[in-house]
Amino acid sequence: MDEDVFNMSIRKFLKKVGVTSQREIETAVRDAVAAGKLKGDEALKAKVTLTLDKVGLSVNIDGNVELK
């Protein structure tokens, strides 16, 4: 295994996850506020599940998204 290639591949994947996740969360929250489903001052529970099937990895990552 080439550690440098492995490390860069992980970083690229995580960057893609971060950018895509932020865009999707922003869109969903803005749409919910505009539709009156959210007031805009909530704390929203968030959860991401990271899986790597071939190595049997499944990790839940929990957190909050604060709107105010």
C-alpha atoms as a PDB file:
ATOM      1  CA  MET A   1       0.000   0.000   0.000  1.00  0.00           C
ATOM      2  CA  ASP A   2       1.264   3.466  -0.872  1.00  0.00           C
ATOM      3  CA  GLU A   3       0.603   5.608   2.222  1.00  0.00           C
ATOM      4  CA  ASP A   4       0.777   8.881   0.283  1.00  0.00           C
ATOM      5  CA  VAL A   5      -1.776   7.743  -2.295  1.00  0.00           C
ATOM      6  CA  PHE A   6      -3.986   6.337   0.476  1.00  0.00           C
ATOM      7  CA  ASN A   7      -3.830   9.575   2.475  1.00  0.00           C
ATOM      8  CA  MET A   8      -4.573  11.778  -0.551  1.00  0.00           C
ATOM      9  CA  SER A   9      -7.472   9.547  -1.569  1.00  0.00           C
ATOM     10  CA  ILE A  10      -9.010   9.834   1.897  1.00  0.00           C
ATOM     11  CA  ARG A  11      -8.575  13.605   1.856  1.00  0.00           C
ATOM     12  CA  LYS A  12     -10.244  13.917  -1.566  1.00  0.00           C
ATOM     13  CA  PHE A  13     -13.144  11.745  -0.431  1.00  0.00           C
ATOM     14  CA  LEU A  14     -13.638  13.726   2.788  1.00  0.00           C
ATOM     15  CA  LYS A  15     -13.491  17.032   0.898  1.00  0.00           C
ATOM     16  CA  LYS A  16     -16.206  15.772  -1.463  1.00  0.00           C
ATOM     17  CA  VAL A  17     -18.289  14.603   1.499  1.00  0.00           C
ATOM     18  CA  GLY A  18     -17.882  17.941   3.271  1.00  0.00           C
ATOM     19  CA  VAL A  19     -18.721  20.134   0.283  1.00  0.00           C
ATOM     20  CA  THR A  20     -21.678  18.011  -0.794  1.00  0.00           C
ATOM     21  CA  SER A  21     -23.038  17.690   2.746  1.00  0.00           C
ATOM     22  CA  GLN A  22     -22.856  21.421   3.384  1.00  0.00           C
ATOM     23  CA  ARG A  23     -24.643  22.227   0.124  1.00  0.00           C
ATOM     24  CA  GLU A  24     -27.422  19.693   0.792  1.00  0.00           C
ATOM     25  CA  ILE A  25     -27.929  20.823   4.411  1.00  0.00           C
ATOM     26  CA  GLU A  26     -28.046  24.500   3.434  1.00  0.00           C
ATOM     27  CA  THR A  27     -30.597  23.847   0.697  1.00  0.00           C
ATOM     28  CA  ALA A  28     -32.808  21.646   2.879  1.00  0.00           C
ATOM     29  CA  VAL A  29     -32.773  24.077   5.815  1.00  0.00           C
ATOM     30  CA  ARG A  30     -33.423  27.155   3.671  1.00  0.00           C
ATOM     31  CA  ASP A  31     -36.307  25.380   1.925  1.00  0.00           C
ATOM     32  CA  ALA A  32     -37.766  24.272   5.272  1.00  0.00           C
ATOM     33  CA  VAL A  33     -37.547  27.812   6.692  1.00  0.00           C
ATOM     34  CA  ALA A  34     -39.169  29.255   3.550  1.00  0.00           C
ATOM     35  CA  ALA A  35     -41.969  26.653   3.756  1.00  0.00           C
ATOM     36  CA  GLY A  36     -42.576  27.416   7.435  1.00  0.00           C
ATOM     37  CA  LYS A  37     -41.442  23.972   8.620  1.00  0.00           C
ATOM     38  CA  LEU A  38     -38.647  25.562  10.655  1.00  0.00           C
ATOM     39  CA  LYS A  39     -38.540  28.888  12.481  1.00  0.00           C
ATOM     40  CA  GLY A  40     -34.831  29.387  11.867  1.00  0.00           C
ATOM     41  CA  ASP A  41     -33.697  29.307  15.485  1.00  0.00           C
ATOM     42  CA  GLU A  42     -33.596  25.545  16.063  1.00  0.00           C
ATOM     43  CA  ALA A  43     -30.772  23.150  16.719  1.00  0.00           C
ATOM     44  CA  LEU A  44     -31.133  20.230  14.324  1.00  0.00           C
ATOM     45  CA  LYS A  45     -29.835  16.773  15.147  1.00  0.00           C
ATOM     46  CA  ALA A  46     -27.621  15.441  12.383  1.00  0.00           C
ATOM     47  CA  LYS A  47     -26.263  11.973  11.726  1.00  0.00           C
ATOM     48  CA  VAL A  48     -23.872  10.583   9.148  1.00  0.00           C
ATOM     49  CA  THR A  49     -23.093   6.922   8.642  1.00  0.00           C
ATOM     50  CA  LEU A  50     -19.686   6.152   7.165  1.00  0.00           C
ATOM     51  CA  THR A  51     -19.292   2.698   5.661  1.00  0.00           C
ATOM     52  CA  LEU A  52     -16.510   0.777   3.977  1.00  0.00           C
ATOM     53  CA  ASP A  53     -18.120  -2.513   3.043  1.00  0.00           C
ATOM     54  CA  LYS A  54     -14.994  -4.495   2.174  1.00  0.00           C
ATOM     55  CA  VAL A  55     -13.432  -3.922   5.598  1.00  0.00           C
ATOM     56  CA  GLY A  56     -16.647  -4.079   7.617  1.00  0.00           C
ATOM     57  CA  LEU A  57     -16.520  -0.460   8.778  1.00  0.00           C
ATOM     58  CA  SER A  58     -19.770   1.215   9.798  1.00  0.00           C
ATOM     59  CA  VAL A  59     -19.510   4.283  12.027  1.00  0.00           C
ATOM     60  CA  ASN A  60     -22.309   6.650  13.017  1.00  0.00           C
ATOM     61  CA  ILE A  61     -21.292  10.254  13.584  1.00  0.00           C
ATOM     62  CA  ASP A  62     -23.827  12.371  15.475  1.00  0.00           C
ATOM     63  CA  GLY A  63     -23.931  16.110  15.957  1.00  0.00           C
ATOM     64  CA  ASN A  64     -26.053  19.247  15.871  1.00  0.00           C
ATOM     65  CA  VAL A  65     -26.558  21.961  13.302  1.00  0.00           C
ATOM     66  CA  GLU A  66     -27.317  25.242  15.065  1.00  0.00           C
ATOM     67  CA  LEU A  67     -29.429  27.753  13.151  1.00  0.00           C
ATOM     68  CA  LYS A  68     -29.075  30.598  15.645  1.00  0.00           C
END
